[in-house]
């Protein structure tokens, strides 16, 4: 997938995506790490996410650490705003996005592009969505990561991929089933790769939690 055009319908087709290697599933963060008395400290989530990105960074561009995506080979730049954009709304949304935002680097590193989007900002050359999967040992977490490709703020020429936001949803699993065979078996650090999942199963998770995204993926008839 490294040299594929993310604007091409074939690149994000169901057949092309499911032919890609299995995805690494990462351990999400424990909410108790940055919450007290039922209140989530957004600054702590942001700090955790930036530290996660720094620990696995592939490079640094200006003030941003980057991680190299396993499928495209592209460097994805991560800023505090990449995490902050998802830390709003209901407590359920905030808690899910906090668990994912705190491991944003690991999630972005292992996510796969699934959809090209229409940029809403004139300064953005291209926008695309990626899907990454996490687990807390019981439940499946799907992170939809929006990436903006735009010219570098430094040289105004080089095109760079900036993680704009991450938004998650959770599928609660009450028992071990064939669809969810990627559970962590012991307590591990957030961001650690704990298992793998096929891209076909990733897309089933997208179908369950983001059907609006799933049904825009081209399929061979």
C-alpha atoms as a PDB file:
ATOM      1  CA  UNK A   1       0.000   0.000   0.000  1.00  0.00           C
ATOM      2  CA  UNK A   2       3.024   2.271   0.394  1.00  0.00           C
ATOM      3  CA  UNK A   3       2.947   3.887  -3.052  1.00  0.00           C
ATOM      4  CA  UNK A   4      -0.813   3.859  -3.508  1.00  0.00           C
ATOM      5  CA  UNK A   5      -2.777   7.023  -4.169  1.00  0.00           C
ATOM      6  CA  UNK A   6      -5.097   7.557  -1.211  1.00  0.00           C
ATOM      7  CA  UNK A   7      -7.515   9.384  -3.507  1.00  0.00           C
ATOM      8  CA  UNK A   8      -7.883   6.305  -5.683  1.00  0.00           C
ATOM      9  CA  UNK A   9     -11.092   4.314  -5.203  1.00  0.00           C
ATOM     10  CA  UNK A  10      -9.098   1.107  -5.649  1.00  0.00           C
ATOM     11  CA  UNK A  11      -6.775   1.916  -2.739  1.00  0.00           C
ATOM     12  CA  UNK A  12      -9.620   2.032  -0.230  1.00  0.00           C
ATOM     13  CA  UNK A  13     -11.705  -0.705  -1.820  1.00  0.00           C
ATOM     14  CA  UNK A  14     -12.812  -3.621   0.334  1.00  0.00           C
ATOM     15  CA  UNK A  15     -10.838  -6.108  -1.767  1.00  0.00           C
ATOM     16  CA  UNK A  16      -7.629  -4.086  -1.605  1.00  0.00           C
ATOM     17  CA  UNK A  17      -7.926  -3.419   2.120  1.00  0.00           C
ATOM     18  CA  UNK A  18      -8.619  -7.028   3.064  1.00  0.00           C
ATOM     19  CA  UNK A  19      -5.544  -8.128   1.096  1.00  0.00           C
ATOM     20  CA  UNK A  20      -3.329  -6.140   3.510  1.00  0.00           C
ATOM     21  CA  UNK A  21      -1.442  -7.755   6.430  1.00  0.00           C
ATOM     22  CA  UNK A  22      -3.155  -8.199   9.799  1.00  0.00           C
ATOM     23  CA  UNK A  23      -3.295  -5.123  12.013  1.00  0.00           C
ATOM     24  CA  UNK A  24      -1.538  -4.802  15.359  1.00  0.00           C
ATOM     25  CA  UNK A  25      -3.999  -4.284  18.221  1.00  0.00           C
ATOM     26  CA  UNK A  26      -2.754  -1.976  20.982  1.00  0.00           C
ATOM     27  CA  UNK A  27      -3.551  -1.766  24.676  1.00  0.00           C
ATOM     28  CA  UNK A  28      -5.631   1.333  25.456  1.00  0.00           C
ATOM     29  CA  UNK A  29      -4.936   3.483  28.501  1.00  0.00           C
ATOM     30  CA  UNK A  30      -6.519   2.908  31.901  1.00  0.00           C
ATOM     31  CA  UNK A  31      -8.946   5.743  32.596  1.00  0.00           C
ATOM     32  CA  UNK A  32      -7.990   5.813  36.285  1.00  0.00           C
ATOM     33  CA  UNK A  33      -4.533   7.055  35.253  1.00  0.00           C
ATOM     34  CA  UNK A  34      -5.885  10.524  34.491  1.00  0.00           C
ATOM     35  CA  UNK A  35      -9.198  10.741  36.321  1.00  0.00           C
ATOM     36  CA  UNK A  36     -10.163  11.483  39.896  1.00  0.00           C
ATOM     37  CA  UNK A  37     -13.579  11.622  41.525  1.00  0.00           C
ATOM     38  CA  UNK A  38     -15.185  10.874  38.178  1.00  0.00           C
ATOM     39  CA  UNK A  39     -13.507  13.815  36.434  1.00  0.00           C
ATOM     40  CA  UNK A  40     -11.069  13.305  33.563  1.00  0.00           C
ATOM     41  CA  UNK A  41      -8.025  15.570  33.423  1.00  0.00           C
ATOM     42  CA  UNK A  42      -7.737  16.449  29.723  1.00  0.00           C
ATOM     43  CA  UNK A  43      -4.248  17.868  30.157  1.00  0.00           C
ATOM     44  CA  UNK A  44      -3.013  14.561  31.531  1.00  0.00           C
ATOM     45  CA  UNK A  45      -4.559  12.723  28.581  1.00  0.00           C
ATOM     46  CA  UNK A  46      -2.842  15.112  26.178  1.00  0.00           C
ATOM     47  CA  UNK A  47       0.497  14.712  27.952  1.00  0.00           C
ATOM     48  CA  UNK A  48       0.183  10.919  27.906  1.00  0.00           C
ATOM     49  CA  UNK A  49      -0.591  10.928  24.179  1.00  0.00           C
ATOM     50  CA  UNK A  50       2.388  13.137  23.351  1.00  0.00           C
ATOM     51  CA  UNK A  51       4.685  10.989  25.492  1.00  0.00           C
ATOM     52  CA  UNK A  52       3.392   7.872  23.738  1.00  0.00           C
ATOM     53  CA  UNK A  53       4.154   9.442  20.347  1.00  0.00           C
ATOM     54  CA  UNK A  54       7.594  10.590  21.465  1.00  0.00           C
ATOM     55  CA  UNK A  55       8.516   7.108  22.699  1.00  0.00           C
ATOM     56  CA  UNK A  56       7.973   5.566  19.243  1.00  0.00           C
ATOM     57  CA  UNK A  57       8.678   8.556  17.027  1.00  0.00           C
ATOM     58  CA  UNK A  58      10.206   8.094  13.593  1.00  0.00           C
ATOM     59  CA  UNK A  59      11.257  11.728  13.336  1.00  0.00           C
ATOM     60  CA  UNK A  60      10.570  15.286  14.371  1.00  0.00           C
ATOM     61  CA  UNK A  61       9.284  18.073  12.139  1.00  0.00           C
ATOM     62  CA  UNK A  62       9.368  21.497  13.763  1.00  0.00           C
ATOM     63  CA  UNK A  63       7.493  21.111  17.046  1.00  0.00           C
ATOM     64  CA  UNK A  64       5.883  17.802  16.100  1.00  0.00           C
ATOM     65  CA  UNK A  65       6.924  14.219  16.703  1.00  0.00           C
ATOM     66  CA  UNK A  66       5.961  11.809  13.945  1.00  0.00           C
ATOM     67  CA  UNK A  67       5.270   8.087  13.821  1.00  0.00           C
ATOM     68  CA  UNK A  68       5.660   5.967  10.704  1.00  0.00           C
ATOM     69  CA  UNK A  69       2.479   4.251   9.570  1.00  0.00           C
ATOM     70  CA  UNK A  70       2.809   0.504   9.052  1.00  0.00           C
ATOM     71  CA  UNK A  71       0.670   0.450   5.882  1.00  0.00           C
ATOM     72  CA  UNK A  72       1.597   3.592   3.941  1.00  0.00           C
ATOM     73  CA  UNK A  73       5.109   4.180   5.252  1.00  0.00           C
ATOM     74  CA  UNK A  74       4.154   7.837   5.698  1.00  0.00           C
ATOM     75  CA  UNK A  75       5.217   9.857   8.711  1.00  0.00           C
ATOM     76  CA  UNK A  76       2.171  11.046  10.668  1.00  0.00           C
ATOM     77  CA  UNK A  77       2.725  14.229  12.675  1.00  0.00           C
ATOM     78  CA  UNK A  78       1.048  14.391  16.075  1.00  0.00           C
ATOM     79  CA  UNK A  79       0.356  17.535  18.094  1.00  0.00           C
ATOM     80  CA  UNK A  80      -1.537  18.299  21.268  1.00  0.00           C
ATOM     81  CA  UNK A  81      -4.481  19.394  19.134  1.00  0.00           C
ATOM     82  CA  UNK A  82      -4.594  15.917  17.530  1.00  0.00           C
ATOM     83  CA  UNK A  83      -5.678  14.609  20.934  1.00  0.00           C
ATOM     84  CA  UNK A  84      -7.578  17.638  22.214  1.00  0.00           C
ATOM     85  CA  UNK A  85     -10.102  17.693  19.352  1.00  0.00           C
ATOM     86  CA  UNK A  86     -11.672  14.466  20.628  1.00  0.00           C
ATOM     87  CA  UNK A  87     -11.845  15.451  24.296  1.00  0.00           C
ATOM     88  CA  UNK A  88     -15.314  16.947  24.399  1.00  0.00           C
ATOM     89  CA  UNK A  89     -18.959  15.944  24.483  1.00  0.00           C
ATOM     90  CA  UNK A  90     -20.594  13.378  26.727  1.00  0.00           C
ATOM     91  CA  UNK A  91     -18.717  11.524  29.449  1.00  0.00           C
ATOM     92  CA  UNK A  92     -18.897   8.303  27.414  1.00  0.00           C
ATOM     93  CA  UNK A  93     -17.333  10.006  24.378  1.00  0.00           C
ATOM     94  CA  UNK A  94     -14.738  11.724  26.548  1.00  0.00           C
ATOM     95  CA  UNK A  95     -13.757   8.518  28.345  1.00  0.00           C
ATOM     96  CA  UNK A  96     -13.412   6.474  25.137  1.00  0.00           C
ATOM     97  CA  UNK A  97     -11.430   9.197  23.366  1.00  0.00           C
ATOM     98  CA  UNK A  98      -9.219   9.636  26.433  1.00  0.00           C
ATOM     99  CA  UNK A  99      -8.304   5.939  26.444  1.00  0.00           C
ATOM    100  CA  UNK A 100      -7.423   6.159  22.738  1.00  0.00           C
ATOM    101  CA  UNK A 101      -5.941   9.654  22.754  1.00  0.00           C
ATOM    102  CA  UNK A 102      -3.430   8.633  25.412  1.00  0.00           C
ATOM    103  CA  UNK A 103      -2.015   6.052  22.950  1.00  0.00           C
ATOM    104  CA  UNK A 104      -2.544   8.084  19.772  1.00  0.00           C
ATOM    105  CA  UNK A 105       0.984   7.438  18.498  1.00  0.00           C
ATOM    106  CA  UNK A 106       0.670   3.657  18.767  1.00  0.00           C
ATOM    107  CA  UNK A 107      -2.812   3.722  17.252  1.00  0.00           C
ATOM    108  CA  UNK A 108      -1.785   5.930  14.313  1.00  0.00           C
ATOM    109  CA  UNK A 109       1.321   3.829  13.717  1.00  0.00           C
ATOM    110  CA  UNK A 110      -0.789   0.704  13.221  1.00  0.00           C
ATOM    111  CA  UNK A 111      -3.963   2.140  11.632  1.00  0.00           C
ATOM    112  CA  UNK A 112      -4.977   1.564   8.018  1.00  0.00           C
ATOM    113  CA  UNK A 113      -6.403   4.200   5.612  1.00  0.00           C
ATOM    114  CA  UNK A 114     -10.009   3.321   4.794  1.00  0.00           C
ATOM    115  CA  UNK A 115     -11.520   6.384   3.165  1.00  0.00           C
ATOM    116  CA  UNK A 116     -10.536   9.529   1.280  1.00  0.00           C
ATOM    117  CA  UNK A 117     -12.492  12.591   2.391  1.00  0.00           C
ATOM    118  CA  UNK A 118     -13.227  16.004   0.941  1.00  0.00           C
ATOM    119  CA  UNK A 119     -11.000  18.635   2.619  1.00  0.00           C
ATOM    120  CA  UNK A 120     -12.933  21.415   4.351  1.00  0.00           C
ATOM    121  CA  UNK A 121      -9.896  23.662   4.744  1.00  0.00           C
ATOM    122  CA  UNK A 122      -8.456  25.426   1.691  1.00  0.00           C
ATOM    123  CA  UNK A 123      -4.940  24.985   3.099  1.00  0.00           C
ATOM    124  CA  UNK A 124      -5.341  21.198   3.115  1.00  0.00           C
ATOM    125  CA  UNK A 125      -4.323  19.240   0.027  1.00  0.00           C
ATOM    126  CA  UNK A 126      -5.986  15.976   1.012  1.00  0.00           C
ATOM    127  CA  UNK A 127      -7.906  14.466   3.926  1.00  0.00           C
ATOM    128  CA  UNK A 128      -8.288  10.788   4.695  1.00  0.00           C
ATOM    129  CA  UNK A 129      -9.607   8.573   7.474  1.00  0.00           C
ATOM    130  CA  UNK A 130      -7.746   5.698   9.100  1.00  0.00           C
ATOM    131  CA  UNK A 131      -9.016   2.937  11.367  1.00  0.00           C
ATOM    132  CA  UNK A 132      -7.034   1.610  14.313  1.00  0.00           C
ATOM    133  CA  UNK A 133      -8.014  -0.968  16.928  1.00  0.00           C
ATOM    134  CA  UNK A 134      -7.323  -1.133  20.660  1.00  0.00           C
ATOM    135  CA  UNK A 135      -8.413  -3.332  23.544  1.00  0.00           C
ATOM    136  CA  UNK A 136      -8.655  -3.113  27.312  1.00  0.00           C
ATOM    137  CA  UNK A 137      -8.574  -6.902  27.568  1.00  0.00           C
ATOM    138  CA  UNK A 138     -12.358  -7.200  27.397  1.00  0.00           C
ATOM    139  CA  UNK A 139     -13.757  -4.614  24.994  1.00  0.00           C
ATOM    140  CA  UNK A 140     -12.862  -3.623  21.425  1.00  0.00           C
ATOM    141  CA  UNK A 141     -12.021   0.030  20.736  1.00  0.00           C
ATOM    142  CA  UNK A 142     -12.178   1.462  17.240  1.00  0.00           C
ATOM    143  CA  UNK A 143     -10.346   4.723  16.617  1.00  0.00           C
ATOM    144  CA  UNK A 144     -11.170   6.690  13.472  1.00  0.00           C
ATOM    145  CA  UNK A 145      -8.222   8.987  12.811  1.00  0.00           C
ATOM    146  CA  UNK A 146      -8.595  11.953  10.484  1.00  0.00           C
ATOM    147  CA  UNK A 147      -5.403  13.005   8.732  1.00  0.00           C
ATOM    148  CA  UNK A 148      -4.801  16.237   6.813  1.00  0.00           C
ATOM    149  CA  UNK A 149      -2.095  16.344   4.155  1.00  0.00           C
ATOM    150  CA  UNK A 150      -0.831  19.882   3.743  1.00  0.00           C
ATOM    151  CA  UNK A 151       2.308  21.828   2.961  1.00  0.00           C
ATOM    152  CA  UNK A 152       4.925  22.148   5.661  1.00  0.00           C
ATOM    153  CA  UNK A 153       4.647  25.222   7.873  1.00  0.00           C
ATOM    154  CA  UNK A 154       8.452  25.377   7.735  1.00  0.00           C
ATOM    155  CA  UNK A 155       9.410  25.290   4.038  1.00  0.00           C
ATOM    156  CA  UNK A 156       5.901  25.796   2.530  1.00  0.00           C
ATOM    157  CA  UNK A 157       6.733  23.133  -0.078  1.00  0.00           C
ATOM    158  CA  UNK A 158       6.927  19.640   1.441  1.00  0.00           C
ATOM    159  CA  UNK A 159       3.623  17.823   1.886  1.00  0.00           C
ATOM    160  CA  UNK A 160       3.193  16.419   5.406  1.00  0.00           C
ATOM    161  CA  UNK A 161       0.479  14.309   7.017  1.00  0.00           C
ATOM    162  CA  UNK A 162      -0.903  15.799  10.240  1.00  0.00           C
ATOM    163  CA  UNK A 163      -3.159  13.819  12.570  1.00  0.00           C
ATOM    164  CA  UNK A 164      -6.090  16.198  12.974  1.00  0.00           C
ATOM    165  CA  UNK A 165      -8.273  14.215  15.363  1.00  0.00           C
ATOM    166  CA  UNK A 166      -9.107  10.825  16.774  1.00  0.00           C
ATOM    167  CA  UNK A 167     -12.613   9.701  17.599  1.00  0.00           C
ATOM    168  CA  UNK A 168     -13.393   6.358  19.147  1.00  0.00           C
ATOM    169  CA  UNK A 169     -16.238   4.006  19.813  1.00  0.00           C
ATOM    170  CA  UNK A 170     -16.315   0.842  21.867  1.00  0.00           C
ATOM    171  CA  UNK A 171     -17.880  -2.550  21.295  1.00  0.00           C
ATOM    172  CA  UNK A 172     -18.584  -4.151  24.648  1.00  0.00           C
ATOM    173  CA  UNK A 173     -17.852  -7.857  24.717  1.00  0.00           C
ATOM    174  CA  UNK A 174     -19.403  -9.868  27.528  1.00  0.00           C
ATOM    175  CA  UNK A 175     -17.856 -13.151  26.442  1.00  0.00           C
ATOM    176  CA  UNK A 176     -15.048 -14.445  24.272  1.00  0.00           C
ATOM    177  CA  UNK A 177     -16.297 -14.997  20.728  1.00  0.00           C
ATOM    178  CA  UNK A 178     -14.869 -15.884  17.336  1.00  0.00           C
ATOM    179  CA  UNK A 179     -15.020 -12.297  16.158  1.00  0.00           C
ATOM    180  CA  UNK A 180     -12.878 -11.005  19.018  1.00  0.00           C
ATOM    181  CA  UNK A 181      -9.838 -13.203  19.508  1.00  0.00           C
ATOM    182  CA  UNK A 182      -7.299 -10.472  20.244  1.00  0.00           C
ATOM    183  CA  UNK A 183      -7.555  -9.895  23.989  1.00  0.00           C
ATOM    184  CA  UNK A 184      -4.651  -8.949  26.195  1.00  0.00           C
ATOM    185  CA  UNK A 185      -3.911 -11.836  28.539  1.00  0.00           C
ATOM    186  CA  UNK A 186      -2.074  -9.846  31.199  1.00  0.00           C
ATOM    187  CA  UNK A 187      -1.632  -6.308  32.443  1.00  0.00           C
ATOM    188  CA  UNK A 188       0.546  -4.456  29.948  1.00  0.00           C
ATOM    189  CA  UNK A 189       1.605  -0.855  29.401  1.00  0.00           C
ATOM    190  CA  UNK A 190      -0.709   1.373  27.335  1.00  0.00           C
ATOM    191  CA  UNK A 191       0.269   1.443  23.673  1.00  0.00           C
ATOM    192  CA  UNK A 192       1.802  -2.042  23.748  1.00  0.00           C
ATOM    193  CA  UNK A 193       0.937  -4.299  20.807  1.00  0.00           C
ATOM    194  CA  UNK A 194      -0.957  -7.193  22.397  1.00  0.00           C
ATOM    195  CA  UNK A 195      -2.177  -9.144  19.370  1.00  0.00           C
ATOM    196  CA  UNK A 196      -3.288  -8.949  15.745  1.00  0.00           C
ATOM    197  CA  UNK A 197      -6.594  -8.736  13.910  1.00  0.00           C
ATOM    198  CA  UNK A 198      -7.374  -9.330  10.230  1.00  0.00           C
ATOM    199  CA  UNK A 199      -8.380  -6.312   8.167  1.00  0.00           C
ATOM    200  CA  UNK A 200     -11.644  -8.096   7.339  1.00  0.00           C
ATOM    201  CA  UNK A 201     -12.418  -8.148  11.081  1.00  0.00           C
ATOM    202  CA  UNK A 202     -11.348  -4.505  11.406  1.00  0.00           C
ATOM    203  CA  UNK A 203     -13.882  -3.620   8.727  1.00  0.00           C
ATOM    204  CA  UNK A 204     -16.552  -5.647  10.527  1.00  0.00           C
ATOM    205  CA  UNK A 205     -15.829  -3.514  13.579  1.00  0.00           C
ATOM    206  CA  UNK A 206     -16.176  -0.398  11.421  1.00  0.00           C
ATOM    207  CA  UNK A 207     -19.479  -1.794  10.144  1.00  0.00           C
ATOM    208  CA  UNK A 208     -20.729  -2.368  13.702  1.00  0.00           C
ATOM    209  CA  UNK A 209     -19.648   0.985  15.116  1.00  0.00           C
ATOM    210  CA  UNK A 210     -19.404   3.333  12.099  1.00  0.00           C
ATOM    211  CA  UNK A 211     -21.801   1.987   9.436  1.00  0.00           C
ATOM    212  CA  UNK A 212     -21.820   5.411   7.762  1.00  0.00           C
ATOM    213  CA  UNK A 213     -18.088   4.999   7.085  1.00  0.00           C
ATOM    214  CA  UNK A 214     -18.291   1.294   6.224  1.00  0.00           C
ATOM    215  CA  UNK A 215     -20.872   1.698   3.485  1.00  0.00           C
ATOM    216  CA  UNK A 216     -18.726   4.244   1.632  1.00  0.00           C
ATOM    217  CA  UNK A 217     -15.990   1.631   1.096  1.00  0.00           C
ATOM    218  CA  UNK A 218     -16.125   0.461  -2.554  1.00  0.00           C
ATOM    219  CA  UNK A 219     -16.777  -3.248  -3.048  1.00  0.00           C
ATOM    220  CA  UNK A 220     -16.442  -5.484  -6.067  1.00  0.00           C
ATOM    221  CA  UNK A 221     -19.891  -6.573  -7.271  1.00  0.00           C
END
